[in-house]
Amino acid sequence: MKATSEQRTSKYGNVKVEHEGLKFDSKRELKRYQELIVMQERGEIAELERQVVFVLAAAVVIDGRKRPALRYVADFVYERPGVDGQIVEDAKGRVTEGYRIKRHLMKAVHGLDIMEV
């Protein structure tokens, strides 16, 4: 694990890191990824994916200007044997107002809860 060349912390104190060629937004996210990889190797979870995009609202035109779709990017999505549907996880250090809205829309639009780790 190494910190990226910028060595700058974000507004919320997380430091971007790189591990085996993969980039992570925080050390917390990398740690959780490593845990999930081990769980997948043991057969506890399957179909692990990173940075999965969910569209929460389609693109629209407002006052003649096109506005992009509203999206939520999940840190991790996977399946657990015996559990119906996908499990969506977000490695969160701080819950922001924007995230609260996206969490609400994920439930309303996709019927999915987000697990915060």
C-alpha atoms as a PDB file:
ATOM      1  CA  MET A   1       0.000   0.000   0.000  1.00  0.00           C
ATOM      2  CA  LYS A   2       1.308   3.422  -0.861  1.00  0.00           C
ATOM      3  CA  ALA A   3      -0.154   6.887  -0.741  1.00  0.00           C
ATOM      4  CA  THR A   4      -0.524   8.595  -4.098  1.00  0.00           C
ATOM      5  CA  SER A   5       1.965  11.249  -5.147  1.00  0.00           C
ATOM      6  CA  GLU A   6      -0.268  14.166  -4.156  1.00  0.00           C
ATOM      7  CA  GLN A   7      -0.133  13.313  -0.426  1.00  0.00           C
ATOM      8  CA  ARG A   8      -2.997  15.743   0.154  1.00  0.00           C
ATOM      9  CA  THR A   9      -5.885  15.010   2.446  1.00  0.00           C
ATOM     10  CA  SER A  10      -9.414  15.730   1.382  1.00  0.00           C
ATOM     11  CA  LYS A  11     -11.971  17.939   3.036  1.00  0.00           C
ATOM     12  CA  TYR A  12     -12.891  15.043   5.339  1.00  0.00           C
ATOM     13  CA  GLY A  13      -9.346  13.858   6.060  1.00  0.00           C
ATOM     14  CA  ASN A  14      -9.157  10.776   3.836  1.00  0.00           C
ATOM     15  CA  VAL A  15      -5.983  10.047   1.911  1.00  0.00           C
ATOM     16  CA  LYS A  16      -6.168   8.418  -1.516  1.00  0.00           C
ATOM     17  CA  VAL A  17      -4.093   5.248  -1.746  1.00  0.00           C
ATOM     18  CA  GLU A  18      -3.016   2.784  -4.407  1.00  0.00           C
ATOM     19  CA  HIS A  19      -2.628  -0.966  -3.899  1.00  0.00           C
ATOM     20  CA  GLU A  20      -1.626  -3.491  -6.559  1.00  0.00           C
ATOM     21  CA  GLY A  21      -2.499  -1.018  -9.303  1.00  0.00           C
ATOM     22  CA  LEU A  22      -5.962  -0.222  -7.900  1.00  0.00           C
ATOM     23  CA  LYS A  23      -6.809   3.254  -6.614  1.00  0.00           C
ATOM     24  CA  PHE A  24      -8.912   3.796  -3.502  1.00  0.00           C
ATOM     25  CA  ASP A  25     -10.415   6.998  -2.110  1.00  0.00           C
ATOM     26  CA  SER A  26      -9.321   6.172   1.444  1.00  0.00           C
ATOM     27  CA  LYS A  27      -7.357   3.769   3.600  1.00  0.00           C
ATOM     28  CA  ARG A  28     -10.691   2.636   5.061  1.00  0.00           C
ATOM     29  CA  GLU A  29     -11.934   1.668   1.581  1.00  0.00           C
ATOM     30  CA  LEU A  30      -8.728  -0.272   0.839  1.00  0.00           C
ATOM     31  CA  LYS A  31      -8.937  -2.121   4.166  1.00  0.00           C
ATOM     32  CA  ARG A  32     -12.550  -3.107   3.497  1.00  0.00           C
ATOM     33  CA  TYR A  33     -11.646  -4.260  -0.018  1.00  0.00           C
ATOM     34  CA  GLN A  34      -8.935  -6.508   1.389  1.00  0.00           C
ATOM     35  CA  GLU A  35     -11.449  -7.968   3.874  1.00  0.00           C
ATOM     36  CA  LEU A  36     -13.982  -8.604   1.101  1.00  0.00           C
ATOM     37  CA  ILE A  37     -11.359 -10.324  -1.083  1.00  0.00           C
ATOM     38  CA  VAL A  38     -10.616 -12.746   1.758  1.00  0.00           C
ATOM     39  CA  MET A  39     -14.356 -13.329   2.277  1.00  0.00           C
ATOM     40  CA  GLN A  40     -14.760 -14.061  -1.438  1.00  0.00           C
ATOM     41  CA  GLU A  41     -11.832 -16.509  -1.379  1.00  0.00           C
ATOM     42  CA  ARG A  42     -13.506 -18.343   1.538  1.00  0.00           C
ATOM     43  CA  GLY A  43     -16.802 -18.489  -0.371  1.00  0.00           C
ATOM     44  CA  GLU A  44     -18.648 -16.220   2.068  1.00  0.00           C
ATOM     45  CA  ILE A  45     -19.491 -13.740  -0.722  1.00  0.00           C
ATOM     46  CA  ALA A  46     -19.476 -13.835  -4.528  1.00  0.00           C
ATOM     47  CA  GLU A  47     -19.425 -11.513  -7.548  1.00  0.00           C
ATOM     48  CA  LEU A  48     -17.504  -8.730  -5.787  1.00  0.00           C
ATOM     49  CA  GLU A  49     -17.409  -5.507  -7.823  1.00  0.00           C
ATOM     50  CA  ARG A  50     -15.902  -2.093  -7.093  1.00  0.00           C
ATOM     51  CA  GLN A  51     -17.155   1.383  -8.004  1.00  0.00           C
ATOM     52  CA  VAL A  52     -20.571   0.297  -9.316  1.00  0.00           C
ATOM     53  CA  VAL A  53     -22.667   3.136 -10.782  1.00  0.00           C
ATOM     54  CA  PHE A  54     -26.403   3.400 -10.029  1.00  0.00           C
ATOM     55  CA  VAL A  55     -28.507   6.014 -11.854  1.00  0.00           C
ATOM     56  CA  LEU A  56     -30.802   7.743  -9.374  1.00  0.00           C
ATOM     57  CA  ALA A  57     -32.468  10.195 -11.787  1.00  0.00           C
ATOM     58  CA  ALA A  58     -32.192  10.495 -15.556  1.00  0.00           C
ATOM     59  CA  ALA A  59     -30.573  13.460 -17.300  1.00  0.00           C
ATOM     60  CA  VAL A  60     -32.934  16.392 -17.848  1.00  0.00           C
ATOM     61  CA  VAL A  61     -33.082  19.767 -19.585  1.00  0.00           C
ATOM     62  CA  ILE A  62     -33.686  22.707 -17.223  1.00  0.00           C
ATOM     63  CA  ASP A  63     -33.983  26.230 -18.621  1.00  0.00           C
ATOM     64  CA  GLY A  64     -32.586  25.017 -21.934  1.00  0.00           C
ATOM     65  CA  ARG A  65     -29.487  23.466 -20.359  1.00  0.00           C
ATOM     66  CA  LYS A  66     -28.904  19.765 -20.169  1.00  0.00           C
ATOM     67  CA  ARG A  67     -28.226  18.511 -16.654  1.00  0.00           C
ATOM     68  CA  PRO A  68     -26.478  15.150 -16.219  1.00  0.00           C
ATOM     69  CA  ALA A  69     -28.086  12.151 -14.592  1.00  0.00           C
ATOM     70  CA  LEU A  70     -27.815  11.938 -10.817  1.00  0.00           C
ATOM     71  CA  ARG A  71     -25.644   8.957  -9.928  1.00  0.00           C
ATOM     72  CA  TYR A  72     -24.484   7.107  -6.869  1.00  0.00           C
ATOM     73  CA  VAL A  73     -21.203   5.196  -7.087  1.00  0.00           C
ATOM     74  CA  ALA A  74     -21.122   2.309  -4.623  1.00  0.00           C
ATOM     75  CA  ASP A  75     -17.733   1.362  -3.247  1.00  0.00           C
ATOM     76  CA  PHE A  76     -18.600  -2.351  -3.312  1.00  0.00           C
ATOM     77  CA  VAL A  77     -21.410  -4.566  -4.560  1.00  0.00           C
ATOM     78  CA  TYR A  78     -21.515  -8.314  -3.988  1.00  0.00           C
ATOM     79  CA  GLU A  79     -23.789 -11.279  -3.391  1.00  0.00           C
ATOM     80  CA  ARG A  80     -23.993 -13.388  -0.263  1.00  0.00           C
ATOM     81  CA  PRO A  81     -25.156 -17.003  -0.506  1.00  0.00           C
ATOM     82  CA  GLY A  82     -28.623 -17.352   1.003  1.00  0.00           C
ATOM     83  CA  VAL A  83     -29.407 -13.627   0.706  1.00  0.00           C
ATOM     84  CA  ASP A  84     -31.631 -12.397  -2.124  1.00  0.00           C
ATOM     85  CA  GLY A  85     -30.317  -9.506  -4.198  1.00  0.00           C
ATOM     86  CA  GLN A  86     -27.165  -7.470  -4.171  1.00  0.00           C
ATOM     87  CA  ILE A  87     -25.445  -6.083  -1.110  1.00  0.00           C
ATOM     88  CA  VAL A  88     -24.256  -2.508  -1.566  1.00  0.00           C
ATOM     89  CA  GLU A  89     -21.513  -1.129   0.690  1.00  0.00           C
ATOM     90  CA  ASP A  90     -19.976   2.280   1.167  1.00  0.00           C
ATOM     91  CA  ALA A  91     -16.809   2.809   3.207  1.00  0.00           C
ATOM     92  CA  LYS A  92     -17.911   5.940   5.043  1.00  0.00           C
ATOM     93  CA  GLY A  93     -15.974   8.063   7.454  1.00  0.00           C
ATOM     94  CA  ARG A  94     -18.580  10.821   7.569  1.00  0.00           C
ATOM     95  CA  VAL A  95     -22.198  10.878   6.421  1.00  0.00           C
ATOM     96  CA  THR A  96     -22.832  14.064   4.417  1.00  0.00           C
ATOM     97  CA  GLU A  97     -26.154  15.610   3.459  1.00  0.00           C
ATOM     98  CA  GLY A  98     -25.537  14.721  -0.200  1.00  0.00           C
ATOM     99  CA  TYR A  99     -24.930  11.107   0.768  1.00  0.00           C
ATOM    100  CA  ARG A 100     -28.140  11.037   2.865  1.00  0.00           C
ATOM    101  CA  ILE A 101     -30.122  12.099  -0.204  1.00  0.00           C
ATOM    102  CA  LYS A 102     -28.434   9.477  -2.401  1.00  0.00           C
ATOM    103  CA  ARG A 103     -29.037   6.783   0.247  1.00  0.00           C
ATOM    104  CA  HIS A 104     -32.735   7.744   0.278  1.00  0.00           C
ATOM    105  CA  LEU A 105     -32.935   7.641  -3.528  1.00  0.00           C
ATOM    106  CA  MET A 106     -31.170   4.254  -3.675  1.00  0.00           C
ATOM    107  CA  LYS A 107     -33.947   2.817  -1.514  1.00  0.00           C
ATOM    108  CA  ALA A 108     -36.743   4.632  -3.368  1.00  0.00           C
ATOM    109  CA  VAL A 109     -35.510   3.987  -6.916  1.00  0.00           C
ATOM    110  CA  HIS A 110     -33.674   0.663  -6.669  1.00  0.00           C
ATOM    111  CA  GLY A 111     -35.086  -0.801  -3.452  1.00  0.00           C
ATOM    112  CA  LEU A 112     -31.545  -1.205  -2.105  1.00  0.00           C
ATOM    113  CA  ASP A 113     -30.174  -0.319   1.307  1.00  0.00           C
ATOM    114  CA  ILE A 114     -26.567   0.822   1.584  1.00  0.00           C
ATOM    115  CA  MET A 115     -24.443  -0.762   4.301  1.00  0.00           C
ATOM    116  CA  GLU A 116     -21.991   1.750   5.722  1.00  0.00           C
ATOM    117  CA  VAL A 117     -18.714   0.276   6.931  1.00  0.00           C
END
